Amino acid sequence: MKQGSFSTDTGGMHLMNAGEFRDYCLSKKGTSESFPFDTVTMVIKVGSKMFTCFDINDQPLRVNLKCDPDLAPALRDRYGAVIPGYHMNKRHWNTVILDGSIPEDEVRLMIDDSYDLVFRGLPKAERDRIEKG
């Protein structure tokens, strides 16, 4: 995904729940879920690396997503529901509050971006194994 490719459209508002978020993330190639920290913090990885995590009980859902460090501030400026990543490297991670204020297609683009960034950072052999999947 190219920097700045997020839309400015405000249509399509939807309060994405934990199940919908999880299902979309796990629909991507080479993904898995686990609870390595406790019984409520779900981690979703592509290959061996995390691209999102969230507390399954949060209402509204708050998810950590990796983000291009040049794009992260722009998303934070555009959406009040996008803040520096909670318990994460604030330069590379955003916390996105899924309170319905961000269009669902925009949330999906943020998920796609996080997945793509992490996937590209995997070792070549691991990327190849996932692509052959």
C-alpha atoms as a PDB file:
ATOM      1  CA  MET A   1       0.000   0.000   0.000  1.00  0.00           C
ATOM      2  CA  LYS A   2       1.313   3.440  -0.905  1.00  0.00           C
ATOM      3  CA  GLN A   3       1.546   6.215   1.626  1.00  0.00           C
ATOM      4  CA  GLY A   4      -1.438   8.544   1.470  1.00  0.00           C
ATOM      5  CA  SER A   5      -3.726   5.999  -0.174  1.00  0.00           C
ATOM      6  CA  PHE A   6      -6.326   6.202   2.575  1.00  0.00           C
ATOM      7  CA  SER A   7      -9.519   7.861   1.431  1.00  0.00           C
ATOM      8  CA  THR A   8     -11.185  10.943   2.850  1.00  0.00           C
ATOM      9  CA  ASP A   9     -14.663   9.513   2.287  1.00  0.00           C
ATOM     10  CA  THR A  10     -16.806   9.465   5.422  1.00  0.00           C
ATOM     11  CA  GLY A  11     -19.460   7.052   4.184  1.00  0.00           C
ATOM     12  CA  GLY A  12     -19.889   3.426   5.196  1.00  0.00           C
ATOM     13  CA  MET A  13     -19.790   3.916   8.981  1.00  0.00           C
ATOM     14  CA  HIS A  14     -20.017   0.658  10.869  1.00  0.00           C
ATOM     15  CA  LEU A  15     -19.086  -0.397  14.373  1.00  0.00           C
ATOM     16  CA  MET A  16     -16.765  -3.334  13.607  1.00  0.00           C
ATOM     17  CA  ASN A  17     -16.834  -5.874  16.425  1.00  0.00           C
ATOM     18  CA  ALA A  18     -14.094  -8.216  17.612  1.00  0.00           C
ATOM     19  CA  GLY A  19     -15.431 -11.147  15.580  1.00  0.00           C
ATOM     20  CA  GLU A  20     -15.564  -9.180  12.329  1.00  0.00           C
ATOM     21  CA  PHE A  21     -12.117  -7.711  12.945  1.00  0.00           C
ATOM     22  CA  ARG A  22     -10.660 -11.148  13.754  1.00  0.00           C
ATOM     23  CA  ASP A  23     -12.300 -12.801  10.743  1.00  0.00           C
ATOM     24  CA  TYR A  24     -10.984 -10.165   8.338  1.00  0.00           C
ATOM     25  CA  CYS A  25      -7.456 -10.448   9.730  1.00  0.00           C
ATOM     26  CA  LEU A  26      -7.488 -14.246   9.613  1.00  0.00           C
ATOM     27  CA  SER A  27      -8.764 -14.233   6.017  1.00  0.00           C
ATOM     28  CA  LYS A  28      -5.284 -13.114   4.973  1.00  0.00           C
ATOM     29  CA  LYS A  29      -2.688 -15.619   3.809  1.00  0.00           C
ATOM     30  CA  GLY A  30      -0.363 -17.123   6.434  1.00  0.00           C
ATOM     31  CA  THR A  31      -2.153 -15.749   9.507  1.00  0.00           C
ATOM     32  CA  SER A  32      -2.732 -17.293  12.918  1.00  0.00           C
ATOM     33  CA  GLU A  33      -4.148 -16.224  16.259  1.00  0.00           C
ATOM     34  CA  SER A  34      -2.962 -16.837  19.801  1.00  0.00           C
ATOM     35  CA  PHE A  35      -3.198 -15.560  23.369  1.00  0.00           C
ATOM     36  CA  PRO A  36       0.464 -15.439  24.436  1.00  0.00           C
ATOM     37  CA  PHE A  37       0.069 -12.799  27.161  1.00  0.00           C
ATOM     38  CA  ASP A  38      -3.202 -13.667  28.929  1.00  0.00           C
ATOM     39  CA  THR A  39      -6.677 -15.016  28.196  1.00  0.00           C
ATOM     40  CA  VAL A  40      -8.088 -11.785  26.696  1.00  0.00           C
ATOM     41  CA  THR A  41      -5.315 -10.270  24.551  1.00  0.00           C
ATOM     42  CA  MET A  42      -5.546 -11.786  21.093  1.00  0.00           C
ATOM     43  CA  VAL A  43      -2.456 -11.580  18.896  1.00  0.00           C
ATOM     44  CA  ILE A  44      -2.771 -12.133  15.176  1.00  0.00           C
ATOM     45  CA  LYS A  45       0.395 -12.869  13.239  1.00  0.00           C
ATOM     46  CA  VAL A  46       1.420 -13.249   9.648  1.00  0.00           C
ATOM     47  CA  GLY A  47       4.015 -15.977   9.717  1.00  0.00           C
ATOM     48  CA  SER A  48       6.031 -15.510  12.889  1.00  0.00           C
ATOM     49  CA  LYS A  49       5.361 -11.774  13.390  1.00  0.00           C
ATOM     50  CA  MET A  50       2.457  -9.913  14.990  1.00  0.00           C
ATOM     51  CA  PHE A  51       0.522  -7.445  12.847  1.00  0.00           C
ATOM     52  CA  THR A  52      -2.279  -6.725  15.322  1.00  0.00           C
ATOM     53  CA  CYS A  53      -3.318  -7.331  18.906  1.00  0.00           C
ATOM     54  CA  PHE A  54      -6.346  -6.374  20.954  1.00  0.00           C
ATOM     55  CA  ASP A  55      -8.292  -7.081  24.130  1.00  0.00           C
ATOM     56  CA  ILE A  56     -11.291  -9.150  23.011  1.00  0.00           C
ATOM     57  CA  ASN A  57     -13.433  -7.619  25.776  1.00  0.00           C
ATOM     58  CA  ASP A  58     -12.845  -3.943  24.961  1.00  0.00           C
ATOM     59  CA  GLN A  59     -15.993  -1.986  24.139  1.00  0.00           C
ATOM     60  CA  PRO A  60     -15.487  -0.281  21.825  1.00  0.00           C
ATOM     61  CA  LEU A  61     -12.756  -2.469  20.410  1.00  0.00           C
ATOM     62  CA  ARG A  62      -9.259  -0.922  20.488  1.00  0.00           C
ATOM     63  CA  VAL A  63      -6.753  -2.568  18.164  1.00  0.00           C
ATOM     64  CA  ASN A  64      -3.034  -2.028  17.679  1.00  0.00           C
ATOM     65  CA  LEU A  65      -1.983  -1.939  14.024  1.00  0.00           C
ATOM     66  CA  LYS A  66       1.446  -1.421  12.525  1.00  0.00           C
ATOM     67  CA  CYS A  67       1.644   1.670  10.333  1.00  0.00           C
ATOM     68  CA  ASP A  68       4.173   3.336   8.058  1.00  0.00           C
ATOM     69  CA  PRO A  69       5.834   5.912  10.337  1.00  0.00           C
ATOM     70  CA  ASP A  70       5.305   8.636   7.711  1.00  0.00           C
ATOM     71  CA  LEU A  71       1.572   7.871   7.496  1.00  0.00           C
ATOM     72  CA  ALA A  72       0.837   7.340  11.207  1.00  0.00           C
ATOM     73  CA  PRO A  73       0.708  11.057  12.159  1.00  0.00           C
ATOM     74  CA  ALA A  74      -1.601  11.841   9.221  1.00  0.00           C
ATOM     75  CA  LEU A  75      -4.067   9.150  10.334  1.00  0.00           C
ATOM     76  CA  ARG A  76      -3.904  10.473  13.909  1.00  0.00           C
ATOM     77  CA  ASP A  77      -4.634  13.980  12.633  1.00  0.00           C
ATOM     78  CA  ARG A  78      -7.499  12.805  10.424  1.00  0.00           C
ATOM     79  CA  TYR A  79      -9.237  10.583  12.988  1.00  0.00           C
ATOM     80  CA  GLY A  80      -9.666  11.229  16.690  1.00  0.00           C
ATOM     81  CA  ALA A  81     -10.067   7.459  17.089  1.00  0.00           C
ATOM     82  CA  VAL A  82      -6.479   6.826  15.910  1.00  0.00           C
ATOM     83  CA  ILE A  83      -3.908   7.399  18.631  1.00  0.00           C
ATOM     84  CA  PRO A  84      -0.252   6.412  19.181  1.00  0.00           C
ATOM     85  CA  GLY A  85       0.048   2.660  19.767  1.00  0.00           C
ATOM     86  CA  TYR A  86      -0.747   1.646  23.352  1.00  0.00           C
ATOM     87  CA  HIS A  87       2.222  -0.278  24.839  1.00  0.00           C
ATOM     88  CA  MET A  88       3.871  -0.233  21.395  1.00  0.00           C
ATOM     89  CA  ASN A  89       6.512   1.747  19.521  1.00  0.00           C
ATOM     90  CA  LYS A  90       4.549   4.980  18.959  1.00  0.00           C
ATOM     91  CA  ARG A  91       6.367   5.707  15.702  1.00  0.00           C
ATOM     92  CA  HIS A  92       5.400   2.407  14.040  1.00  0.00           C
ATOM     93  CA  TRP A  93       2.101   1.474  15.700  1.00  0.00           C
ATOM     94  CA  ASN A  94      -1.321   3.080  16.055  1.00  0.00           C
ATOM     95  CA  THR A  95      -4.155   2.152  18.360  1.00  0.00           C
ATOM     96  CA  VAL A  96      -7.398   2.358  16.405  1.00  0.00           C
ATOM     97  CA  ILE A  97     -10.595   2.691  18.420  1.00  0.00           C
ATOM     98  CA  LEU A  98     -13.390   0.985  16.496  1.00  0.00           C
ATOM     99  CA  ASP A  99     -16.191   3.231  17.718  1.00  0.00           C
ATOM    100  CA  GLY A 100     -17.869   3.672  14.321  1.00  0.00           C
ATOM    101  CA  SER A 101     -16.244   7.039  13.604  1.00  0.00           C
ATOM    102  CA  ILE A 102     -13.883   5.598  10.963  1.00  0.00           C
ATOM    103  CA  PRO A 103     -15.421   4.146   7.790  1.00  0.00           C
ATOM    104  CA  GLU A 104     -15.132   0.342   7.730  1.00  0.00           C
ATOM    105  CA  ASP A 105     -13.336   0.392   4.376  1.00  0.00           C
ATOM    106  CA  GLU A 106     -10.734   2.691   5.944  1.00  0.00           C
ATOM    107  CA  VAL A 107     -10.282   0.297   8.887  1.00  0.00           C
ATOM    108  CA  ARG A 108      -9.771  -2.541   6.407  1.00  0.00           C
ATOM    109  CA  LEU A 109      -7.112  -0.477   4.620  1.00  0.00           C
ATOM    110  CA  MET A 110      -5.343   0.043   7.954  1.00  0.00           C
ATOM    111  CA  ILE A 111      -5.451  -3.726   8.578  1.00  0.00           C
ATOM    112  CA  ASP A 112      -4.162  -4.389   5.048  1.00  0.00           C
ATOM    113  CA  ASP A 113      -1.344  -1.891   5.559  1.00  0.00           C
ATOM    114  CA  SER A 114      -0.329  -3.476   8.875  1.00  0.00           C
ATOM    115  CA  TYR A 115      -0.348  -6.967   7.345  1.00  0.00           C
ATOM    116  CA  ASP A 116       1.653  -5.813   4.300  1.00  0.00           C
ATOM    117  CA  LEU A 117       4.284  -3.986   6.374  1.00  0.00           C
ATOM    118  CA  VAL A 118       4.843  -7.000   8.621  1.00  0.00           C
ATOM    119  CA  PHE A 119       4.772  -9.481   5.731  1.00  0.00           C
ATOM    120  CA  ARG A 120       7.436  -7.494   3.849  1.00  0.00           C
ATOM    121  CA  GLY A 121       9.623  -7.569   6.974  1.00  0.00           C
ATOM    122  CA  LEU A 122       9.607 -11.361   7.218  1.00  0.00           C
ATOM    123  CA  PRO A 123      12.638 -13.335   6.085  1.00  0.00           C
ATOM    124  CA  LYS A 124      12.457 -14.205   2.380  1.00  0.00           C
ATOM    125  CA  ALA A 125      12.142 -17.942   3.021  1.00  0.00           C
ATOM    126  CA  GLU A 126       9.163 -17.342   5.308  1.00  0.00           C
ATOM    127  CA  ARG A 127       7.496 -14.985   2.777  1.00  0.00           C
ATOM    128  CA  ASP A 128       8.013 -17.559   0.035  1.00  0.00           C
ATOM    129  CA  ARG A 129       6.507 -20.333   2.190  1.00  0.00           C
ATOM    130  CA  ILE A 130       3.414 -18.185   2.905  1.00  0.00           C
ATOM    131  CA  GLU A 131       2.981 -17.157  -0.728  1.00  0.00           C
ATOM    132  CA  LYS A 132       3.109 -20.801  -1.837  1.00  0.00           C
ATOM    133  CA  GLY A 133       0.737 -21.568   1.010  1.00  0.00           C
END
